[in-house]
Amino acid sequence: MKALEQQWKAVQKQLAQLGKQAESARGQARRRMKRLERRTRVAVARALRKAEPQVREALDEATRVGRGLQAGVRAGAAAYRASARTKK
């Protein structure tokens, strides 16, 4: 019986040590996760700030090209209507 009690105490001691190690690992993992989330937020915000002016400029250019295309189509249609084409 004495050997079993010693083994039981040893197992309890190991279990307590494992509990402490697990708590420490959880704390470290939590800190790593917070740091990673913060770095990710900063990187995304930085990328957005850098990309936004370029996206706005590209959108403005696409709008200008679209307006030019519409004007060209309108002018072509007007010229076609005004032309002296042969009628059947």
Protein backbone atom coordinates (compact mmCIF):
# COMPACT_ATOMS: atom_id res chain seq x y z
CA MET A 1 0.00 0.00 0.00
CA LYS A 2 2.84 2.38 0.79
CA ALA A 3 4.24 2.02 -2.74
CA LEU A 4 0.84 2.85 -4.24
CA GLU A 5 0.54 5.96 -2.06
CA GLN A 6 3.99 7.10 -3.15
CA GLN A 7 3.10 6.52 -6.79
CA TRP A 8 -0.16 8.40 -6.25
CA LYS A 9 1.66 11.37 -4.72
CA ALA A 10 4.18 11.33 -7.57
CA VAL A 11 1.35 11.34 -10.12
CA GLN A 12 -0.35 14.21 -8.31
CA LYS A 13 2.91 16.16 -8.26
CA GLN A 14 3.44 15.57 -11.98
CA LEU A 15 -0.15 16.61 -12.64
CA ALA A 16 0.37 19.85 -10.73
CA GLN A 17 3.54 20.56 -12.72
CA LEU A 18 1.74 19.86 -15.99
CA GLY A 19 -1.06 22.20 -14.92
CA LYS A 20 1.45 24.98 -14.29
CA GLN A 21 3.14 24.36 -17.64
CA ALA A 22 -0.22 24.35 -19.44
CA GLU A 23 -1.21 27.64 -17.81
CA SER A 24 2.10 29.17 -18.85
CA ALA A 25 1.72 27.88 -22.41
CA ARG A 26 -1.82 29.30 -22.62
CA GLY A 27 -0.56 32.69 -21.49
CA GLN A 28 2.26 32.65 -24.01
CA ALA A 29 -0.10 31.57 -26.79
CA ARG A 30 -2.54 34.34 -25.85
CA ARG A 31 0.23 36.94 -25.98
CA ARG A 32 1.47 35.62 -29.33
CA MET A 33 -2.06 35.70 -30.73
CA LYS A 34 -2.65 39.29 -29.58
CA ARG A 35 0.68 40.37 -31.07
CA LEU A 36 -0.10 38.61 -34.35
CA GLU A 37 -3.57 40.19 -34.52
CA ARG A 38 -2.14 43.65 -33.84
CA ARG A 39 0.56 43.23 -36.49
CA THR A 40 -2.03 42.01 -38.98
CA ARG A 41 -4.32 44.98 -38.27
CA VAL A 42 -1.41 47.39 -38.73
CA ALA A 43 -0.32 45.72 -41.98
CA VAL A 44 -3.84 45.79 -43.41
CA ALA A 45 -4.36 49.42 -42.41
CA ARG A 46 -1.03 50.38 -43.95
CA ALA A 47 -1.85 48.53 -47.19
CA LEU A 48 -5.24 50.23 -47.38
CA ARG A 49 -3.75 53.68 -46.82
CA LYS A 50 -1.16 53.01 -49.51
CA ALA A 51 -3.57 51.50 -52.05
CA GLU A 52 -6.52 53.86 -51.64
CA PRO A 53 -5.10 56.80 -53.63
CA GLN A 54 -4.04 54.48 -56.45
CA VAL A 55 -7.48 52.87 -56.56
CA ARG A 56 -9.18 56.26 -56.59
CA GLU A 57 -6.91 57.42 -59.42
CA ALA A 58 -7.61 54.27 -61.44
CA LEU A 59 -11.34 54.69 -60.89
CA ASP A 60 -11.19 58.32 -62.04
CA GLU A 61 -9.23 57.29 -65.13
CA ALA A 62 -11.72 54.53 -65.94
CA THR A 63 -14.55 57.06 -65.60
CA ARG A 64 -12.80 59.46 -67.97
CA VAL A 65 -12.19 56.68 -70.51
CA GLY A 66 -15.84 55.62 -70.25
CA ARG A 67 -17.05 59.19 -70.84
CA GLY A 68 -14.73 59.53 -73.82
CA LEU A 69 -16.00 56.27 -75.26
CA GLN A 70 -19.63 57.35 -74.85
CA ALA A 71 -18.90 60.68 -76.52
CA GLY A 72 -17.20 58.90 -79.41
CA VAL A 73 -20.13 56.54 -79.88
CA ARG A 74 -22.57 59.46 -79.80
CA ALA A 75 -20.49 61.42 -82.32
CA GLY A 76 -20.19 58.41 -84.60
CA ALA A 77 -23.93 57.79 -84.49
CA ALA A 78 -24.66 61.47 -85.22
CA ALA A 79 -22.20 61.47 -88.11
CA TYR A 80 -23.78 58.32 -89.50
CA ARG A 81 -27.26 59.84 -89.30
CA ALA A 82 -26.05 63.06 -90.91
CA SER A 83 -24.19 61.33 -93.73
CA ALA A 84 -25.62 61.20 -97.24
CA ARG A 85 -25.93 57.45 -97.33
CA THR A 86 -27.84 55.76 -100.10
CA LYS A 87 -31.37 54.78 -99.24
CA LYS A 88 -32.95 51.64 -100.55
